[in-house]
Structure formats: C-alpha cells, structure tokens
Amino acid sequence: MAAEAQRYREFKMPDVGEGLTEAEILKWLVRPGDTVTDGQVVVEVATAHAPAELPTPYDGEVR
C-alpha cells in the first residue's frame, strides 16, 4: 500500500495590529491530533498591548 503524502502548513503569528511582531503564548487551545477548522481560535497570546486570541487560517489536523 502506498503511503499518503503528508501536507504540513506552518501556522505563523498573524498581524495583531500596531506593527507588533512578538507575543507570548499564554495557552494552546488545541493538542496534536485535534481537528481544526478555518477560523477556529487555537491559541491565546499576550502582546505588549493586550491579550489576543488567534484563529487558524486552515482546516486540518494539528501535528
């Protein structure tokens, strides 16, 4: 049986406004093996200005 090709996508921190390029992860809301959908909040972060919830831009399984 041929192995299926695995396709991975990198989840980079999106623009959270005001030119901020760094944030501290407060809490992951998903675990490896979880299925996620486009727009689902997957992580809570703290920036220099305020906490924020970040959604994933993908459908798929967390690895």
PDB file of N, CA and C in Angstrom:
ATOM      1  N   MET A   1       0.847  -1.173   0.000  1.00  0.00           N
ATOM      2  CA  MET A   1       0.000   0.000   0.000  1.00  0.00           C
ATOM      3  C   MET A   1       0.896   1.242   0.000  1.00  0.00           C
ATOM      4  N   ALA A   2       0.603   2.181  -0.877  1.00  0.00           N
ATOM      5  CA  ALA A   2       1.399   3.402  -0.980  1.00  0.00           C
ATOM      6  C   ALA A   2       1.054   4.342   0.173  1.00  0.00           C
ATOM      7  N   ALA A   3       2.071   4.953   0.730  1.00  0.00           N
ATOM      8  CA  ALA A   3       1.853   5.912   1.818  1.00  0.00           C
ATOM      9  C   ALA A   3       1.295   7.208   1.246  1.00  0.00           C
ATOM     10  N   GLU A   4       0.327   7.775   1.945  1.00  0.00           N
ATOM     11  CA  GLU A   4      -0.229   9.058   1.513  1.00  0.00           C
ATOM     12  C   GLU A   4       0.769  10.162   1.800  1.00  0.00           C
ATOM     13  N   ALA A   5       0.850  11.110   0.875  1.00  0.00           N
ATOM     14  CA  ALA A   5       1.739  12.252   1.072  1.00  0.00           C
ATOM     15  C   ALA A   5       1.167  13.142   2.176  1.00  0.00           C
ATOM     16  N   GLN A   6       1.974  13.469   3.155  1.00  0.00           N
ATOM     17  CA  GLN A   6       1.567  14.352   4.243  1.00  0.00           C
ATOM     18  C   GLN A   6       1.798  15.793   3.806  1.00  0.00           C
ATOM     19  N   ARG A   7       0.828  16.639   4.013  1.00  0.00           N
ATOM     20  CA  ARG A   7       0.972  18.045   3.669  1.00  0.00           C
ATOM     21  C   ARG A   7       0.880  18.849   4.958  1.00  0.00           C
ATOM     22  N   TYR A   8       1.957  19.528   5.287  1.00  0.00           N
ATOM     23  CA  TYR A   8       2.010  20.323   6.511  1.00  0.00           C
ATOM     24  C   TYR A   8       1.956  21.798   6.154  1.00  0.00           C
ATOM     25  N   ARG A   9       1.294  22.561   7.001  1.00  0.00           N
ATOM     26  CA  ARG A   9       1.252  24.012   6.838  1.00  0.00           C
ATOM     27  C   ARG A   9       1.744  24.631   8.128  1.00  0.00           C
ATOM     28  N   GLU A  10       2.540  25.647   7.990  1.00  0.00           N
ATOM     29  CA  GLU A  10       3.089  26.344   9.136  1.00  0.00           C
ATOM     30  C   GLU A  10       2.100  27.407   9.597  1.00  0.00           C
ATOM     31  N   PHE A  11       1.863  27.460  10.894  1.00  0.00           N
ATOM     32  CA  PHE A  11       0.978  28.471  11.460  1.00  0.00           C
ATOM     33  C   PHE A  11       1.856  29.580  12.021  1.00  0.00           C
ATOM     34  N   LYS A  12       1.927  30.679  11.299  1.00  0.00           N
ATOM     35  CA  LYS A  12       2.719  31.828  11.750  1.00  0.00           C
ATOM     36  C   LYS A  12       1.809  32.826  12.435  1.00  0.00           C
ATOM     37  N   MET A  13       2.378  33.569  13.380  1.00  0.00           N
ATOM     38  CA  MET A  13       1.587  34.561  14.083  1.00  0.00           C
ATOM     39  C   MET A  13       1.089  35.604  13.084  1.00  0.00           C
ATOM     40  N   PRO A  14      -0.216  35.794  13.017  1.00  0.00           N
ATOM     41  CA  PRO A  14      -0.748  36.813  12.112  1.00  0.00           C
ATOM     42  C   PRO A  14      -0.508  38.212  12.660  1.00  0.00           C
ATOM     43  N   ASP A  15      -0.719  39.202  11.841  1.00  0.00           N
ATOM     44  CA  ASP A  15      -0.597  40.595  12.253  1.00  0.00           C
ATOM     45  C   ASP A  15      -1.678  40.884  13.289  1.00  0.00           C
ATOM     46  N   VAL A  16      -1.261  41.240  14.486  1.00  0.00           N
ATOM     47  CA  VAL A  16      -2.223  41.551  15.544  1.00  0.00           C
ATOM     48  C   VAL A  16      -2.401  43.055  15.710  1.00  0.00           C
ATOM     49  N   GLY A  17      -1.854  43.802  14.772  1.00  0.00           N
ATOM     50  CA  GLY A  17      -2.053  45.250  14.765  1.00  0.00           C
ATOM     51  C   GLY A  17      -0.899  46.035  15.347  1.00  0.00           C
ATOM     52  N   GLU A  18      -0.868  47.296  15.014  1.00  0.00           N
ATOM     53  CA  GLU A  18       0.096  48.269  15.523  1.00  0.00           C
ATOM     54  C   GLU A  18       1.542  47.855  15.310  1.00  0.00           C
ATOM     55  N   GLY A  19       1.812  47.048  14.285  1.00  0.00           N
ATOM     56  CA  GLY A  19       3.183  46.666  13.960  1.00  0.00           C
ATOM     57  C   GLY A  19       3.839  45.716  14.947  1.00  0.00           C
ATOM     58  N   LEU A  20       3.055  45.101  15.823  1.00  0.00           N
ATOM     59  CA  LEU A  20       3.617  44.166  16.799  1.00  0.00           C
ATOM     60  C   LEU A  20       4.102  42.915  16.091  1.00  0.00           C
ATOM     61  N   THR A  21       5.299  42.475  16.422  1.00  0.00           N
ATOM     62  CA  THR A  21       5.876  41.289  15.782  1.00  0.00           C
ATOM     63  C   THR A  21       6.167  40.167  16.769  1.00  0.00           C
ATOM     64  N   GLU A  22       5.907  40.398  18.050  1.00  0.00           N
ATOM     65  CA  GLU A  22       6.179  39.389  19.065  1.00  0.00           C
ATOM     66  C   GLU A  22       4.996  39.258  20.016  1.00  0.00           C
ATOM     67  N   ALA A  23       4.841  38.051  20.534  1.00  0.00           N
ATOM     68  CA  ALA A  23       3.804  37.784  21.529  1.00  0.00           C
ATOM     69  C   ALA A  23       4.242  36.584  22.352  1.00  0.00           C
ATOM     70  N   GLU A  24       3.727  36.502  23.560  1.00  0.00           N
ATOM     71  CA  GLU A  24       3.980  35.356  24.433  1.00  0.00           C
ATOM     72  C   GLU A  24       2.764  34.449  24.400  1.00  0.00           C
ATOM     73  N   ILE A  25       2.999  33.154  24.207  1.00  0.00           N
ATOM     74  CA  ILE A  25       1.884  32.208  24.216  1.00  0.00           C
ATOM     75  C   ILE A  25       1.399  32.051  25.649  1.00  0.00           C
ATOM     76  N   LEU A  26       0.106  32.282  25.837  1.00  0.00           N
ATOM     77  CA  LEU A  26      -0.500  32.103  27.156  1.00  0.00           C
ATOM     78  C   LEU A  26      -1.086  30.707  27.292  1.00  0.00           C
ATOM     79  N   LYS A  27      -1.773  30.254  26.220  1.00  0.00           N
ATOM     80  CA  LYS A  27      -2.444  28.958  26.312  1.00  0.00           C
ATOM     81  C   LYS A  27      -2.754  28.430  24.918  1.00  0.00           C
ATOM     82  N   TRP A  28      -2.348  27.182  24.660  1.00  0.00           N
ATOM     83  CA  TRP A  28      -2.766  26.486  23.442  1.00  0.00           C
ATOM     84  C   TRP A  28      -4.146  25.913  23.700  1.00  0.00           C
ATOM     85  N   LEU A  29      -5.045  26.068  22.758  1.00  0.00           N
ATOM     86  CA  LEU A  29      -6.414  25.586  22.905  1.00  0.00           C
ATOM     87  C   LEU A  29      -6.649  24.296  22.131  1.00  0.00           C
ATOM     88  N   VAL A  30      -5.605  23.801  21.468  1.00  0.00           N
ATOM     89  CA  VAL A  30      -5.678  22.541  20.715  1.00  0.00           C
ATOM     90  C   VAL A  30      -4.455  21.698  21.073  1.00  0.00           C
ATOM     91  N   ARG A  31      -4.553  20.409  20.756  1.00  0.00           N
ATOM     92  CA  ARG A  31      -3.455  19.477  21.008  1.00  0.00           C
ATOM     93  C   ARG A  31      -3.160  18.701  19.732  1.00  0.00           C
ATOM     94  N   PRO A  32      -1.974  18.106  19.640  1.00  0.00           N
ATOM     95  CA  PRO A  32      -1.687  17.257  18.471  1.00  0.00           C
ATOM     96  C   PRO A  32      -2.773  16.183  18.320  1.00  0.00           C
ATOM     97  N   GLY A  33      -3.234  16.021  17.092  1.00  0.00           N
ATOM     98  CA  GLY A  33      -4.285  15.060  16.805  1.00  0.00           C
ATOM     99  C   GLY A  33      -5.666  15.685  16.708  1.00  0.00           C
ATOM    100  N   ASP A  34      -5.837  16.898  17.270  1.00  0.00           N
ATOM    101  CA  ASP A  34      -7.125  17.581  17.173  1.00  0.00           C
ATOM    102  C   ASP A  34      -7.390  18.007  15.732  1.00  0.00           C
ATOM    103  N   THR A  35      -8.654  17.998  15.342  1.00  0.00           N
ATOM    104  CA  THR A  35      -9.070  18.516  14.046  1.00  0.00           C
ATOM    105  C   THR A  35      -9.498  19.961  14.237  1.00  0.00           C
ATOM    106  N   VAL A  36      -9.045  20.845  13.345  1.00  0.00           N
ATOM    107  CA  VAL A  36      -9.397  22.262  13.422  1.00  0.00           C
ATOM    108  C   VAL A  36     -10.035  22.706  12.108  1.00  0.00           C
ATOM    109  N   THR A  37     -10.787  23.801  12.200  1.00  0.00           N
ATOM    110  CA  THR A  37     -11.411  24.373  11.017  1.00  0.00           C
ATOM    111  C   THR A  37     -10.979  25.826  10.853  1.00  0.00           C
ATOM    112  N   ASP A  38     -10.974  26.275   9.619  1.00  0.00           N
ATOM    113  CA  ASP A  38     -10.598  27.650   9.287  1.00  0.00           C
ATOM    114  C   ASP A  38     -11.372  28.621  10.169  1.00  0.00           C
ATOM    115  N   GLY A  39     -10.659  29.506  10.856  1.00  0.00           N
ATOM    116  CA  GLY A  39     -11.287  30.496  11.725  1.00  0.00           C
ATOM    117  C   GLY A  39     -11.404  30.095  13.179  1.00  0.00           C
ATOM    118  N   GLN A  40     -11.090  28.840  13.489  1.00  0.00           N
ATOM    119  CA  GLN A  40     -11.158  28.368  14.874  1.00  0.00           C
ATOM    120  C   GLN A  40     -10.005  28.963  15.682  1.00  0.00           C
ATOM    121  N   VAL A  41     -10.304  29.479  16.855  1.00  0.00           N
ATOM    122  CA  VAL A  41      -9.262  30.009  17.739  1.00  0.00           C
ATOM    123  C   VAL A  41      -8.443  28.836  18.271  1.00  0.00           C
ATOM    124  N   VAL A  42      -7.112  28.905  18.096  1.00  0.00           N
ATOM    125  CA  VAL A  42      -6.253  27.800  18.506  1.00  0.00           C
ATOM    126  C   VAL A  42      -5.238  28.170  19.583  1.00  0.00           C
ATOM    127  N   VAL A  43      -5.022  29.466  19.792  1.00  0.00           N
ATOM    128  CA  VAL A  43      -4.020  29.875  20.780  1.00  0.00           C
ATOM    129  C   VAL A  43      -4.373  31.250  21.344  1.00  0.00           C
ATOM    130  N   GLU A  44      -4.064  31.445  22.620  1.00  0.00           N
ATOM    131  CA  GLU A  44      -4.196  32.748  23.266  1.00  0.00           C
ATOM    132  C   GLU A  44      -2.784  33.292  23.473  1.00  0.00           C
ATOM    133  N   VAL A  45      -2.569  34.544  23.100  1.00  0.00           N
ATOM    134  CA  VAL A  45      -1.254  35.165  23.240  1.00  0.00           C
ATOM    135  C   VAL A  45      -1.379  36.490  23.977  1.00  0.00           C
ATOM    136  N   ALA A  46      -0.254  36.959  24.503  1.00  0.00           N
ATOM    137  CA  ALA A  46      -0.186  38.278  25.127  1.00  0.00           C
ATOM    138  C   ALA A  46       0.827  39.098  24.340  1.00  0.00           C
ATOM    139  N   THR A  47       0.407  40.270  23.897  1.00  0.00           N
ATOM    140  CA  THR A  47       1.306  41.191  23.209  1.00  0.00           C
ATOM    141  C   THR A  47       1.685  42.292  24.192  1.00  0.00           C
ATOM    142  N   ALA A  48       2.460  43.240  23.724  1.00  0.00           N
ATOM    143  CA  ALA A  48       2.843  44.364  24.579  1.00  0.00           C
ATOM    144  C   ALA A  48       1.624  45.200  24.971  1.00  0.00           C
ATOM    145  N   HIS A  49       0.541  45.093  24.192  1.00  0.00           N
ATOM    146  CA  HIS A  49      -0.629  45.928  24.447  1.00  0.00           C
ATOM    147  C   HIS A  49      -1.788  45.199  25.117  1.00  0.00           C
ATOM    148  N   ALA A  50      -2.034  43.942  24.715  1.00  0.00           N
ATOM    149  CA  ALA A  50      -3.214  43.255  25.241  1.00  0.00           C
ATOM    150  C   ALA A  50      -3.178  41.778  24.873  1.00  0.00           C
ATOM    151  N   PRO A  51      -3.954  40.960  25.579  1.00  0.00           N
ATOM    152  CA  PRO A  51      -4.086  39.560  25.175  1.00  0.00           C
ATOM    153  C   PRO A  51      -4.905  39.475  23.886  1.00  0.00           C
ATOM    154  N   ALA A  52      -4.688  38.401  23.133  1.00  0.00           N
ATOM    155  CA  ALA A  52      -5.426  38.207  21.884  1.00  0.00           C
ATOM    156  C   ALA A  52      -5.627  36.722  21.633  1.00  0.00           C
ATOM    157  N   GLU A  53      -6.720  36.386  20.966  1.00  0.00           N
ATOM    158  CA  GLU A  53      -6.983  35.013  20.536  1.00  0.00           C
ATOM    159  C   GLU A  53      -6.683  34.939  19.048  1.00  0.00           C
ATOM    160  N   LEU A  54      -5.917  33.924  18.644  1.00  0.00           N
ATOM    161  CA  LEU A  54      -5.533  33.803  17.244  1.00  0.00           C
ATOM    162  C   LEU A  54      -6.203  32.603  16.592  1.00  0.00           C
ATOM    163  N   PRO A  55      -6.882  32.823  15.480  1.00  0.00           N
ATOM    164  CA  PRO A  55      -7.518  31.723  14.755  1.00  0.00           C
ATOM    165  C   PRO A  55      -6.569  31.119  13.729  1.00  0.00           C
ATOM    166  N   THR A  56      -6.831  29.881  13.358  1.00  0.00           N
ATOM    167  CA  THR A  56      -6.069  29.238  12.296  1.00  0.00           C
ATOM    168  C   THR A  56      -6.698  29.578  10.942  1.00  0.00           C
ATOM    169  N   PRO A  57      -5.883  29.758   9.918  1.00  0.00           N
ATOM    170  CA  PRO A  57      -6.432  30.004   8.581  1.00  0.00           C
ATOM    171  C   PRO A  57      -6.626  28.706   7.786  1.00  0.00           C
ATOM    172  N   TYR A  58      -6.557  27.543   8.457  1.00  0.00           N
ATOM    173  CA  TYR A  58      -6.600  26.262   7.768  1.00  0.00           C
ATOM    174  C   TYR A  58      -7.617  25.307   8.379  1.00  0.00           C
ATOM    175  N   ASP A  59      -8.041  24.348   7.576  1.00  0.00           N
ATOM    176  CA  ASP A  59      -8.748  23.164   8.051  1.00  0.00           C
ATOM    177  C   ASP A  59      -7.718  22.060   8.126  1.00  0.00           C
ATOM    178  N   GLY A  60      -7.802  21.178   9.101  1.00  0.00           N
ATOM    179  CA  GLY A  60      -6.880  20.061   9.131  1.00  0.00           C
ATOM    180  C   GLY A  60      -6.697  19.478  10.513  1.00  0.00           C
ATOM    181  N   GLU A  61      -5.601  18.723  10.649  1.00  0.00           N
ATOM    182  CA  GLU A  61      -5.260  18.064  11.912  1.00  0.00           C
ATOM    183  C   GLU A  61      -3.988  18.676  12.467  1.00  0.00           C
ATOM    184  N   VAL A  62      -3.999  18.962  13.761  1.00  0.00           N
ATOM    185  CA  VAL A  62      -2.831  19.543  14.425  1.00  0.00           C
ATOM    186  C   VAL A  62      -1.752  18.481  14.554  1.00  0.00           C
ATOM    187  N   ARG A  63      -0.544  18.835  14.169  1.00  0.00           N
ATOM    188  CA  ARG A  63       0.612  17.930  14.296  1.00  0.00           C
ATOM    189  C   ARG A  63       1.660  18.544  15.164  1.00  0.00           C
TER     190      ARG A  63
END
